[in-house]
């Protein structure tokens, strides 16, 4: 064995001696595991909807596809990174697990699709309009009977025999609906539509500064209420319809 004590040739000693390692402040294992932010990779917020995530992913794939950068050795690696982030964030269960493990969150609520939120509100206003006109006509049975005679005549002219033909019924409802709508009813409708529009904006269906988007929402809600009124008339008439 050499006389120099600094040289160790005995492997048993080598693996049993304590080894001092200088801890680097930059070491990713020294304090905590590095967190890979998949949201940052995709360029979206943690509250992004499924549609926003999908849109961002498609944009990134188009921008960084290796075919568009044949001379870039980093392009393929970038695509792998994007694909992996999307694989996790686009899956509801994986996304919840990722959030909980990365940020210590409780399981996140499901992302709300603005389109579904708007459709649900449209249905509510439709139901309000339907109930309003149905209740009004049920108090005026004589008018229902008059309308039944009108509808019966148009139906027979159209097809040669009597039946409850919905296109003709709804066309007639559109002709007469304004006769039943008072100023007070119209003001109530406007208040409902304004409140519903505000609710849609608060849930991110459109941006407040987007005048076109806000106007579109208001028009859709107003149209839904009016369609509900037409169905209310049709429902009241159908209740008294008897085929002859």
C-alpha atoms as a PDB file:
ATOM      1  CA  UNK A   1       0.000   0.000   0.000  1.00  0.00           C
ATOM      2  CA  UNK A   2       1.426   3.419  -0.824  1.00  0.00           C
ATOM      3  CA  UNK A   3       2.602   5.584   2.063  1.00  0.00           C
ATOM      4  CA  UNK A   4       0.558   8.607   0.931  1.00  0.00           C
ATOM      5  CA  UNK A   5      -2.506   8.600   3.258  1.00  0.00           C
ATOM      6  CA  UNK A   6      -4.527  10.695   0.791  1.00  0.00           C
ATOM      7  CA  UNK A   7      -4.658   7.870  -1.726  1.00  0.00           C
ATOM      8  CA  UNK A   8      -7.240   5.166  -0.989  1.00  0.00           C
ATOM      9  CA  UNK A   9      -6.937   1.872  -2.803  1.00  0.00           C
ATOM     10  CA  UNK A  10      -9.114  -0.232  -0.498  1.00  0.00           C
ATOM     11  CA  UNK A  11     -12.603  -0.165  -2.094  1.00  0.00           C
ATOM     12  CA  UNK A  12     -14.262  -1.267   1.130  1.00  0.00           C
ATOM     13  CA  UNK A  13     -12.830   1.800   2.863  1.00  0.00           C
ATOM     14  CA  UNK A  14     -13.723   4.019  -0.082  1.00  0.00           C
ATOM     15  CA  UNK A  15     -17.440   3.222   0.113  1.00  0.00           C
ATOM     16  CA  UNK A  16     -17.669   3.405   3.903  1.00  0.00           C
ATOM     17  CA  UNK A  17     -15.943   6.762   4.386  1.00  0.00           C
ATOM     18  CA  UNK A  18     -18.282   9.766   4.703  1.00  0.00           C
ATOM     19  CA  UNK A  19     -18.144  11.992   1.671  1.00  0.00           C
ATOM     20  CA  UNK A  20     -18.716  15.675   2.125  1.00  0.00           C
ATOM     21  CA  UNK A  21     -20.604  17.254  -0.755  1.00  0.00           C
ATOM     22  CA  UNK A  22     -20.815  20.998  -1.079  1.00  0.00           C
ATOM     23  CA  UNK A  23     -24.503  21.857  -1.329  1.00  0.00           C
ATOM     24  CA  UNK A  24     -25.208  24.215  -4.139  1.00  0.00           C
ATOM     25  CA  UNK A  25     -27.929  26.792  -3.627  1.00  0.00           C
ATOM     26  CA  UNK A  26     -28.966  26.169  -7.205  1.00  0.00           C
ATOM     27  CA  UNK A  27     -29.365  22.431  -6.806  1.00  0.00           C
ATOM     28  CA  UNK A  28     -32.890  21.362  -7.753  1.00  0.00           C
ATOM     29  CA  UNK A  29     -32.745  18.620  -5.111  1.00  0.00           C
ATOM     30  CA  UNK A  30     -31.332  20.667  -2.269  1.00  0.00           C
ATOM     31  CA  UNK A  31     -34.603  22.168  -1.045  1.00  0.00           C
ATOM     32  CA  UNK A  32     -37.535  21.193  -3.187  1.00  0.00           C
ATOM     33  CA  UNK A  33     -38.412  19.463  -6.398  1.00  0.00           C
ATOM     34  CA  UNK A  34     -38.589  21.675  -9.436  1.00  0.00           C
ATOM     35  CA  UNK A  35     -42.197  22.309 -10.493  1.00  0.00           C
ATOM     36  CA  UNK A  36     -42.879  22.124 -14.200  1.00  0.00           C
ATOM     37  CA  UNK A  37     -45.581  24.651 -14.994  1.00  0.00           C
ATOM     38  CA  UNK A  38     -47.663  23.091 -17.751  1.00  0.00           C
ATOM     39  CA  UNK A  39     -49.909  26.139 -17.844  1.00  0.00           C
ATOM     40  CA  UNK A  40     -46.918  28.346 -18.584  1.00  0.00           C
ATOM     41  CA  UNK A  41     -45.757  25.965 -21.297  1.00  0.00           C
ATOM     42  CA  UNK A  42     -49.154  26.236 -22.995  1.00  0.00           C
ATOM     43  CA  UNK A  43     -49.381  29.961 -22.352  1.00  0.00           C
ATOM     44  CA  UNK A  44     -52.690  29.828 -20.456  1.00  0.00           C
ATOM     45  CA  UNK A  45     -53.847  30.657 -16.936  1.00  0.00           C
ATOM     46  CA  UNK A  46     -54.696  28.046 -14.320  1.00  0.00           C
ATOM     47  CA  UNK A  47     -58.354  28.991 -14.736  1.00  0.00           C
ATOM     48  CA  UNK A  48     -58.340  28.457 -18.506  1.00  0.00           C
ATOM     49  CA  UNK A  49     -61.307  26.625 -19.983  1.00  0.00           C
ATOM     50  CA  UNK A  50     -60.972  23.436 -22.018  1.00  0.00           C
ATOM     51  CA  UNK A  51     -61.602  25.415 -25.188  1.00  0.00           C
ATOM     52  CA  UNK A  52     -58.897  27.984 -24.351  1.00  0.00           C
ATOM     53  CA  UNK A  53     -56.409  25.201 -23.634  1.00  0.00           C
ATOM     54  CA  UNK A  54     -57.203  23.439 -26.895  1.00  0.00           C
ATOM     55  CA  UNK A  55     -56.879  26.681 -28.851  1.00  0.00           C
ATOM     56  CA  UNK A  56     -53.523  27.501 -27.251  1.00  0.00           C
ATOM     57  CA  UNK A  57     -52.232  23.977 -27.896  1.00  0.00           C
ATOM     58  CA  UNK A  58     -53.127  24.057 -31.589  1.00  0.00           C
ATOM     59  CA  UNK A  59     -51.470  27.443 -31.985  1.00  0.00           C
ATOM     60  CA  UNK A  60     -48.254  26.249 -30.318  1.00  0.00           C
ATOM     61  CA  UNK A  61     -48.103  23.049 -32.349  1.00  0.00           C
ATOM     62  CA  UNK A  62     -48.471  25.062 -35.533  1.00  0.00           C
ATOM     63  CA  UNK A  63     -45.764  27.529 -34.488  1.00  0.00           C
ATOM     64  CA  UNK A  64     -43.217  24.986 -33.260  1.00  0.00           C
ATOM     65  CA  UNK A  65     -43.790  21.986 -35.518  1.00  0.00           C
ATOM     66  CA  UNK A  66     -40.451  20.533 -36.692  1.00  0.00           C
ATOM     67  CA  UNK A  67     -41.591  20.693 -40.305  1.00  0.00           C
ATOM     68  CA  UNK A  68     -41.676  24.487 -39.982  1.00  0.00           C
ATOM     69  CA  UNK A  69     -38.213  24.524 -38.392  1.00  0.00           C
ATOM     70  CA  UNK A  70     -36.212  21.792 -40.175  1.00  0.00           C
ATOM     71  CA  UNK A  71     -32.875  23.280 -39.107  1.00  0.00           C
ATOM     72  CA  UNK A  72     -33.756  23.734 -35.441  1.00  0.00           C
ATOM     73  CA  UNK A  73     -32.616  20.923 -33.132  1.00  0.00           C
ATOM     74  CA  UNK A  74     -34.795  22.358 -30.373  1.00  0.00           C
ATOM     75  CA  UNK A  75     -38.063  22.113 -32.334  1.00  0.00           C
ATOM     76  CA  UNK A  76     -38.654  18.422 -31.669  1.00  0.00           C
ATOM     77  CA  UNK A  77     -37.916  18.823 -27.979  1.00  0.00           C
ATOM     78  CA  UNK A  78     -40.264  21.792 -27.787  1.00  0.00           C
ATOM     79  CA  UNK A  79     -43.082  19.790 -29.399  1.00  0.00           C
ATOM     80  CA  UNK A  80     -42.555  16.956 -26.904  1.00  0.00           C
ATOM     81  CA  UNK A  81     -42.801  19.454 -24.061  1.00  0.00           C
ATOM     82  CA  UNK A  82     -45.996  20.978 -25.477  1.00  0.00           C
ATOM     83  CA  UNK A  83     -47.578  17.564 -26.092  1.00  0.00           C
ATOM     84  CA  UNK A  84     -46.810  16.380 -22.590  1.00  0.00           C
ATOM     85  CA  UNK A  85     -48.255  19.524 -21.029  1.00  0.00           C
ATOM     86  CA  UNK A  86     -51.413  19.224 -23.104  1.00  0.00           C
ATOM     87  CA  UNK A  87     -51.785  15.520 -22.303  1.00  0.00           C
ATOM     88  CA  UNK A  88     -51.973  16.388 -18.616  1.00  0.00           C
ATOM     89  CA  UNK A  89     -53.924  19.653 -18.684  1.00  0.00           C
ATOM     90  CA  UNK A  90     -56.515  18.529 -21.240  1.00  0.00           C
ATOM     91  CA  UNK A  91     -57.548  15.545 -19.119  1.00  0.00           C
ATOM     92  CA  UNK A  92     -59.851  16.556 -16.240  1.00  0.00           C
ATOM     93  CA  UNK A  93     -58.629  13.914 -13.782  1.00  0.00           C
ATOM     94  CA  UNK A  94     -54.948  14.396 -14.603  1.00  0.00           C
ATOM     95  CA  UNK A  95     -55.387  18.148 -14.350  1.00  0.00           C
ATOM     96  CA  UNK A  96     -56.902  17.937 -10.867  1.00  0.00           C
ATOM     97  CA  UNK A  97     -54.112  15.632  -9.705  1.00  0.00           C
ATOM     98  CA  UNK A  98     -51.466  17.874 -11.237  1.00  0.00           C
ATOM     99  CA  UNK A  99     -52.888  20.976  -9.545  1.00  0.00           C
ATOM    100  CA  UNK A 100     -53.117  19.252  -6.194  1.00  0.00           C
ATOM    101  CA  UNK A 101     -49.578  17.880  -6.370  1.00  0.00           C
ATOM    102  CA  UNK A 102     -48.059  21.049  -7.773  1.00  0.00           C
ATOM    103  CA  UNK A 103     -49.802  23.695  -5.708  1.00  0.00           C
ATOM    104  CA  UNK A 104     -51.348  21.734  -2.863  1.00  0.00           C
ATOM    105  CA  UNK A 105     -54.833  22.679  -4.024  1.00  0.00           C
ATOM    106  CA  UNK A 106     -57.992  20.909  -3.124  1.00  0.00           C
ATOM    107  CA  UNK A 107     -59.543  19.266  -6.189  1.00  0.00           C
ATOM    108  CA  UNK A 108     -60.496  22.092  -8.543  1.00  0.00           C
ATOM    109  CA  UNK A 109     -64.020  22.657  -9.700  1.00  0.00           C
ATOM    110  CA  UNK A 110     -64.759  21.664 -13.244  1.00  0.00           C
ATOM    111  CA  UNK A 111     -63.992  24.413 -15.730  1.00  0.00           C
ATOM    112  CA  UNK A 112     -67.174  26.046 -16.872  1.00  0.00           C
ATOM    113  CA  UNK A 113     -67.804  26.215 -20.587  1.00  0.00           C
ATOM    114  CA  UNK A 114     -69.128  29.733 -21.374  1.00  0.00           C
ATOM    115  CA  UNK A 115     -71.180  28.310 -24.245  1.00  0.00           C
ATOM    116  CA  UNK A 116     -73.005  25.943 -21.897  1.00  0.00           C
ATOM    117  CA  UNK A 117     -73.568  28.749 -19.388  1.00  0.00           C
ATOM    118  CA  UNK A 118     -75.160  30.891 -22.089  1.00  0.00           C
ATOM    119  CA  UNK A 119     -77.338  28.037 -23.344  1.00  0.00           C
ATOM    120  CA  UNK A 120     -78.593  27.390 -19.824  1.00  0.00           C
ATOM    121  CA  UNK A 121     -79.525  31.039 -19.414  1.00  0.00           C
ATOM    122  CA  UNK A 122     -81.253  31.041 -22.795  1.00  0.00           C
ATOM    123  CA  UNK A 123     -83.329  28.065 -21.666  1.00  0.00           C
ATOM    124  CA  UNK A 124     -84.308  29.844 -18.462  1.00  0.00           C
ATOM    125  CA  UNK A 125     -85.503  32.913 -20.351  1.00  0.00           C
ATOM    126  CA  UNK A 126     -87.302  30.711 -22.867  1.00  0.00           C
ATOM    127  CA  UNK A 127     -89.183  29.060 -19.978  1.00  0.00           C
ATOM    128  CA  UNK A 128     -90.036  32.467 -18.502  1.00  0.00           C
ATOM    129  CA  UNK A 129     -91.524  33.653 -21.790  1.00  0.00           C
ATOM    130  CA  UNK A 130     -93.440  30.409 -22.311  1.00  0.00           C
ATOM    131  CA  UNK A 131     -94.996  30.465 -18.843  1.00  0.00           C
ATOM    132  CA  UNK A 132     -95.887  34.142 -19.157  1.00  0.00           C
ATOM    133  CA  UNK A 133     -97.944  33.815 -22.368  1.00  0.00           C
ATOM    134  CA  UNK A 134     -99.380  30.424 -21.466  1.00  0.00           C
ATOM    135  CA  UNK A 135    -100.762  31.803 -18.183  1.00  0.00           C
ATOM    136  CA  UNK A 136    -102.103  34.877 -19.945  1.00  0.00           C
ATOM    137  CA  UNK A 137    -103.974  32.908 -22.608  1.00  0.00           C
ATOM    138  CA  UNK A 138    -105.390  30.447 -20.113  1.00  0.00           C
ATOM    139  CA  UNK A 139    -107.314  33.387 -18.701  1.00  0.00           C
ATOM    140  CA  UNK A 140    -108.814  34.098 -22.134  1.00  0.00           C
ATOM    141  CA  UNK A 141    -110.349  30.824 -23.358  1.00  0.00           C
ATOM    142  CA  UNK A 142    -112.608  32.621 -25.843  1.00  0.00           C
ATOM    143  CA  UNK A 143    -109.545  33.984 -27.635  1.00  0.00           C
ATOM    144  CA  UNK A 144    -108.026  30.508 -27.747  1.00  0.00           C
ATOM    145  CA  UNK A 145    -111.138  29.206 -29.478  1.00  0.00           C
ATOM    146  CA  UNK A 146    -110.964  32.032 -32.023  1.00  0.00           C
ATOM    147  CA  UNK A 147    -107.357  31.127 -32.767  1.00  0.00           C
ATOM    148  CA  UNK A 148    -108.237  27.458 -33.097  1.00  0.00           C
ATOM    149  CA  UNK A 149    -110.713  28.319 -35.843  1.00  0.00           C
ATOM    150  CA  UNK A 150    -108.096  30.417 -37.651  1.00  0.00           C
ATOM    151  CA  UNK A 151    -105.530  27.632 -37.388  1.00  0.00           C
ATOM    152  CA  UNK A 152    -107.971  24.968 -38.489  1.00  0.00           C
ATOM    153  CA  UNK A 153    -108.819  26.947 -41.636  1.00  0.00           C
ATOM    154  CA  UNK A 154    -105.157  27.514 -42.529  1.00  0.00           C
ATOM    155  CA  UNK A 155    -104.232  23.884 -41.873  1.00  0.00           C
ATOM    156  CA  UNK A 156    -106.996  22.505 -44.083  1.00  0.00           C
ATOM    157  CA  UNK A 157    -106.005  24.931 -46.823  1.00  0.00           C
ATOM    158  CA  UNK A 158    -102.405  23.801 -46.494  1.00  0.00           C
ATOM    159  CA  UNK A 159    -102.814  20.035 -46.407  1.00  0.00           C
ATOM    160  CA  UNK A 160    -106.472  19.254 -47.033  1.00  0.00           C
ATOM    161  CA  UNK A 161    -107.385  17.958 -43.575  1.00  0.00           C
ATOM    162  CA  UNK A 162    -107.391  19.101 -39.975  1.00  0.00           C
ATOM    163  CA  UNK A 163    -104.450  18.472 -37.634  1.00  0.00           C
ATOM    164  CA  UNK A 164    -102.241  20.374 -35.186  1.00  0.00           C
ATOM    165  CA  UNK A 165     -99.580  21.551 -37.630  1.00  0.00           C
ATOM    166  CA  UNK A 166     -96.829  23.207 -35.594  1.00  0.00           C
ATOM    167  CA  UNK A 167     -95.303  25.402 -38.338  1.00  0.00           C
ATOM    168  CA  UNK A 168     -98.703  26.994 -38.948  1.00  0.00           C
ATOM    169  CA  UNK A 169     -99.340  27.335 -35.209  1.00  0.00           C
ATOM    170  CA  UNK A 170     -96.015  29.075 -34.584  1.00  0.00           C
ATOM    171  CA  UNK A 171     -96.422  31.317 -37.601  1.00  0.00           C
ATOM    172  CA  UNK A 172     -99.795  32.432 -36.226  1.00  0.00           C
ATOM    173  CA  UNK A 173     -98.299  32.890 -32.760  1.00  0.00           C
ATOM    174  CA  UNK A 174     -95.666  35.216 -34.219  1.00  0.00           C
ATOM    175  CA  UNK A 175     -98.448  37.272 -35.818  1.00  0.00           C
ATOM    176  CA  UNK A 176    -100.456  37.798 -32.636  1.00  0.00           C
ATOM    177  CA  UNK A 177     -97.911  37.733 -29.795  1.00  0.00           C
ATOM    178  CA  UNK A 178     -97.499  41.504 -29.654  1.00  0.00           C
ATOM    179  CA  UNK A 179    -101.233  41.892 -29.050  1.00  0.00           C
ATOM    180  CA  UNK A 180    -100.798  40.292 -25.629  1.00  0.00           C
ATOM    181  CA  UNK A 181     -97.571  41.996 -24.554  1.00  0.00           C
ATOM    182  CA  UNK A 182     -98.254  45.102 -22.492  1.00  0.00           C
ATOM    183  CA  UNK A 183     -95.767  47.891 -21.796  1.00  0.00           C
ATOM    184  CA  UNK A 184     -95.349  46.593 -18.267  1.00  0.00           C
ATOM    185  CA  UNK A 185     -94.581  43.099 -19.553  1.00  0.00           C
ATOM    186  CA  UNK A 186     -92.037  44.462 -22.005  1.00  0.00           C
ATOM    187  CA  UNK A 187     -90.278  46.455 -19.290  1.00  0.00           C
ATOM    188  CA  UNK A 188     -90.113  43.337 -17.151  1.00  0.00           C
ATOM    189  CA  UNK A 189     -88.604  41.426 -20.060  1.00  0.00           C
ATOM    190  CA  UNK A 190     -85.955  44.097 -20.573  1.00  0.00           C
ATOM    191  CA  UNK A 191     -85.011  43.966 -16.892  1.00  0.00           C
ATOM    192  CA  UNK A 192     -84.722  40.182 -17.037  1.00  0.00           C
ATOM    193  CA  UNK A 193     -82.551  40.322 -20.140  1.00  0.00           C
ATOM    194  CA  UNK A 194     -80.292  43.003 -18.640  1.00  0.00           C
ATOM    195  CA  UNK A 195     -79.813  41.029 -15.430  1.00  0.00           C
ATOM    196  CA  UNK A 196     -79.164  37.837 -17.390  1.00  0.00           C
ATOM    197  CA  UNK A 197     -76.647  39.648 -19.598  1.00  0.00           C
ATOM    198  CA  UNK A 198     -74.815  40.954 -16.542  1.00  0.00           C
ATOM    199  CA  UNK A 199     -74.686  37.434 -15.131  1.00  0.00           C
ATOM    200  CA  UNK A 200     -73.177  36.180 -18.381  1.00  0.00           C
ATOM    201  CA  UNK A 201     -70.493  38.872 -18.307  1.00  0.00           C
ATOM    202  CA  UNK A 202     -69.630  38.057 -14.700  1.00  0.00           C
ATOM    203  CA  UNK A 203     -69.062  34.438 -15.753  1.00  0.00           C
ATOM    204  CA  UNK A 204     -66.767  35.357 -18.620  1.00  0.00           C
ATOM    205  CA  UNK A 205     -69.077  34.596 -21.524  1.00  0.00           C
ATOM    206  CA  UNK A 206     -67.942  37.904 -23.058  1.00  0.00           C
ATOM    207  CA  UNK A 207     -65.679  40.789 -22.081  1.00  0.00           C
ATOM    208  CA  UNK A 208     -67.356  43.949 -20.851  1.00  0.00           C
ATOM    209  CA  UNK A 209     -65.416  46.123 -23.286  1.00  0.00           C
ATOM    210  CA  UNK A 210     -66.476  43.926 -26.205  1.00  0.00           C
ATOM    211  CA  UNK A 211     -69.535  45.866 -27.326  1.00  0.00           C
ATOM    212  CA  UNK A 212     -70.283  43.457 -30.161  1.00  0.00           C
ATOM    213  CA  UNK A 213     -70.061  40.454 -27.849  1.00  0.00           C
ATOM    214  CA  UNK A 214     -72.286  42.043 -25.214  1.00  0.00           C
ATOM    215  CA  UNK A 215     -74.832  43.031 -27.845  1.00  0.00           C
ATOM    216  CA  UNK A 216     -74.817  39.500 -29.258  1.00  0.00           C
ATOM    217  CA  UNK A 217     -75.512  38.003 -25.815  1.00  0.00           C
ATOM    218  CA  UNK A 218     -78.333  40.455 -25.173  1.00  0.00           C
ATOM    219  CA  UNK A 219     -79.911  39.684 -28.554  1.00  0.00           C
ATOM    220  CA  UNK A 220     -79.710  35.933 -27.997  1.00  0.00           C
ATOM    221  CA  UNK A 221     -81.350  36.200 -24.597  1.00  0.00           C
ATOM    222  CA  UNK A 222     -84.067  38.503 -25.889  1.00  0.00           C
ATOM    223  CA  UNK A 223     -84.728  36.123 -28.789  1.00  0.00           C
ATOM    224  CA  UNK A 224     -84.980  33.179 -26.397  1.00  0.00           C
ATOM    225  CA  UNK A 225     -87.585  34.984 -24.324  1.00  0.00           C
ATOM    226  CA  UNK A 226     -89.623  35.813 -27.413  1.00  0.00           C
ATOM    227  CA  UNK A 227     -89.425  32.215 -28.664  1.00  0.00           C
ATOM    228  CA  UNK A 228     -90.665  31.111 -25.261  1.00  0.00           C
ATOM    229  CA  UNK A 229     -93.683  33.385 -25.650  1.00  0.00           C
ATOM    230  CA  UNK A 230     -94.503  31.827 -29.015  1.00  0.00           C
ATOM    231  CA  UNK A 231     -94.322  28.354 -27.507  1.00  0.00           C
ATOM    232  CA  UNK A 232     -96.531  29.523 -24.653  1.00  0.00           C
ATOM    233  CA  UNK A 233     -99.214  30.518 -27.149  1.00  0.00           C
ATOM    234  CA  UNK A 234     -98.841  27.210 -28.997  1.00  0.00           C
ATOM    235  CA  UNK A 235     -99.066  25.208 -25.758  1.00  0.00           C
ATOM    236  CA  UNK A 236    -102.249  26.978 -24.699  1.00  0.00           C
ATOM    237  CA  UNK A 237    -103.873  26.432 -28.091  1.00  0.00           C
ATOM    238  CA  UNK A 238    -102.834  22.790 -28.220  1.00  0.00           C
ATOM    239  CA  UNK A 239    -104.419  22.183 -24.834  1.00  0.00           C
ATOM    240  CA  UNK A 240    -107.832  23.003 -26.310  1.00  0.00           C
ATOM    241  CA  UNK A 241    -107.290  21.487 -29.732  1.00  0.00           C
ATOM    242  CA  UNK A 242    -109.695  18.763 -30.857  1.00  0.00           C
ATOM    243  CA  UNK A 243    -109.381  17.245 -34.279  1.00  0.00           C
ATOM    244  CA  UNK A 244    -112.457  17.447 -36.472  1.00  0.00           C
END
